[in-house]
């Protein structure tokens, strides 16, 4: 044996390219989710958030989206409000679909529920 063969090198390179493409594609999606999650938590924990109207809360979220350059995947339709007992919640649910390789897509579903501060 003198070393690895040409086929082994090609397979290793293909694997590295596929893993790198996956990390770049999904890394940006998760970084955006972490930003959205932080914005949502900040808005929900603002004192008096439960007394504000959905329009006021959305305006605050939208302003922070503009500041943090969140333009893709998350819209007003992805946010909703729930009221359980005496607590109000801000709910986020959205899905991101990114092309990966050929006719394969990567799909990530995100969901979060934060209680609005009294």
Protein backbone atom coordinates (compact mmCIF):
# COMPACT_ATOMS: atom_id res chain seq x y z
CA UNK A 1 0.00 0.00 0.00
CA UNK A 2 1.37 3.35 -1.00
CA UNK A 3 -1.37 5.74 0.17
CA UNK A 4 -4.94 6.63 -0.44
CA UNK A 5 -6.32 6.21 -3.92
CA UNK A 6 -7.87 8.77 -6.24
CA UNK A 7 -11.40 7.54 -5.55
CA UNK A 8 -10.91 7.95 -1.81
CA UNK A 9 -9.67 11.52 -2.31
CA UNK A 10 -12.71 12.33 -4.49
CA UNK A 11 -15.10 10.86 -1.91
CA UNK A 12 -13.45 12.83 0.91
CA UNK A 13 -13.59 16.08 -1.11
CA UNK A 14 -17.24 15.48 -1.98
CA UNK A 15 -18.04 14.89 1.69
CA UNK A 16 -16.20 18.07 2.74
CA UNK A 17 -18.05 20.12 0.09
CA UNK A 18 -21.46 18.76 1.14
CA UNK A 19 -20.80 19.37 4.85
CA UNK A 20 -19.44 22.87 4.15
CA UNK A 21 -22.47 23.72 2.00
CA UNK A 22 -24.78 22.45 4.76
CA UNK A 23 -23.03 24.53 7.43
CA UNK A 24 -23.12 27.70 5.33
CA UNK A 25 -26.76 27.22 4.35
CA UNK A 26 -28.14 26.33 7.78
CA UNK A 27 -25.71 28.50 9.73
CA UNK A 28 -27.22 31.69 8.34
CA UNK A 29 -30.75 30.41 9.02
CA UNK A 30 -29.94 29.65 12.67
CA UNK A 31 -28.09 32.93 13.17
CA UNK A 32 -31.19 34.76 11.95
CA UNK A 33 -33.39 32.70 14.30
CA UNK A 34 -31.20 33.59 17.27
CA UNK A 35 -31.54 37.28 16.37
CA UNK A 36 -35.33 36.96 16.04
CA UNK A 37 -35.49 35.04 19.32
CA UNK A 38 -33.53 37.75 21.15
CA UNK A 39 -35.71 40.51 19.70
CA UNK A 40 -38.86 38.63 20.66
CA UNK A 41 -37.63 38.08 24.22
CA UNK A 42 -36.66 41.73 24.61
CA UNK A 43 -40.04 42.94 23.42
CA UNK A 44 -41.95 40.41 25.54
CA UNK A 45 -40.05 41.30 28.73
CA UNK A 46 -40.53 45.05 28.31
CA UNK A 47 -42.55 46.25 31.32
CA UNK A 48 -46.20 46.75 30.36
CA UNK A 49 -45.99 44.59 27.24
CA UNK A 50 -49.20 42.73 28.11
CA UNK A 51 -51.12 46.01 28.11
CA UNK A 52 -49.94 47.03 24.65
CA UNK A 53 -51.92 46.33 21.49
CA UNK A 54 -50.73 43.75 18.93
CA UNK A 55 -50.05 46.65 16.51
CA UNK A 56 -47.78 48.40 19.04
CA UNK A 57 -45.88 45.20 19.77
CA UNK A 58 -45.46 44.48 16.05
CA UNK A 59 -44.20 48.03 15.42
CA UNK A 60 -41.53 47.52 18.10
CA UNK A 61 -40.53 44.14 16.64
CA UNK A 62 -40.46 45.52 13.10
CA UNK A 63 -38.28 48.46 14.14
CA UNK A 64 -35.80 46.06 15.75
CA UNK A 65 -35.88 43.83 12.66
CA UNK A 66 -34.86 46.84 10.56
CA UNK A 67 -32.02 47.71 12.93
CA UNK A 68 -30.73 44.11 12.93
CA UNK A 69 -31.25 43.55 9.16
CA UNK A 70 -33.83 40.78 9.51
CA UNK A 71 -35.57 40.97 6.13
CA UNK A 72 -36.14 37.36 5.08
CA UNK A 73 -38.36 34.53 6.27
CA UNK A 74 -40.08 36.25 9.22
CA UNK A 75 -43.14 38.43 8.71
CA UNK A 76 -46.01 39.75 10.75
CA UNK A 77 -48.10 36.71 9.81
CA UNK A 78 -45.64 34.47 11.69
CA UNK A 79 -46.52 36.16 14.99
CA UNK A 80 -49.68 35.58 16.96
CA UNK A 81 -50.99 36.22 20.44
CA UNK A 82 -52.43 33.73 22.92
CA UNK A 83 -54.23 34.33 26.16
CA UNK A 84 -54.16 31.52 28.71
CA UNK A 85 -55.82 32.19 32.06
CA UNK A 86 -54.55 35.67 32.97
CA UNK A 87 -51.34 35.48 30.96
CA UNK A 88 -50.76 36.78 27.44
CA UNK A 89 -48.18 35.17 25.18
CA UNK A 90 -46.37 36.24 22.04
CA UNK A 91 -46.06 33.24 19.73
CA UNK A 92 -43.71 32.83 16.76
CA UNK A 93 -43.91 30.00 14.23
CA UNK A 94 -42.19 29.92 10.87
CA UNK A 95 -40.43 27.62 8.46
CA UNK A 96 -37.42 28.21 6.24
CA UNK A 97 -36.78 26.16 3.10
CA UNK A 98 -33.38 26.47 1.41
CA UNK A 99 -32.13 24.66 -1.69
CA UNK A 100 -29.27 22.33 -0.82
CA UNK A 101 -28.15 20.16 -3.69
CA UNK A 102 -29.98 19.38 -6.90
CA UNK A 103 -33.63 18.80 -6.04
CA UNK A 104 -32.96 18.45 -2.30
CA UNK A 105 -34.07 21.18 0.08
CA UNK A 106 -33.22 21.77 3.72
CA UNK A 107 -36.21 22.69 5.88
CA UNK A 108 -36.00 24.22 9.34
CA UNK A 109 -39.09 24.85 11.47
CA UNK A 110 -38.93 27.32 14.33
CA UNK A 111 -41.38 27.99 17.11
CA UNK A 112 -41.24 30.02 20.29
CA UNK A 113 -43.69 31.31 22.90
CA UNK A 114 -42.83 34.11 25.34
CA UNK A 115 -45.02 35.47 28.11
CA UNK A 116 -45.70 39.19 27.87
CA UNK A 117 -44.57 41.10 30.94
CA UNK A 118 -47.28 42.69 33.07
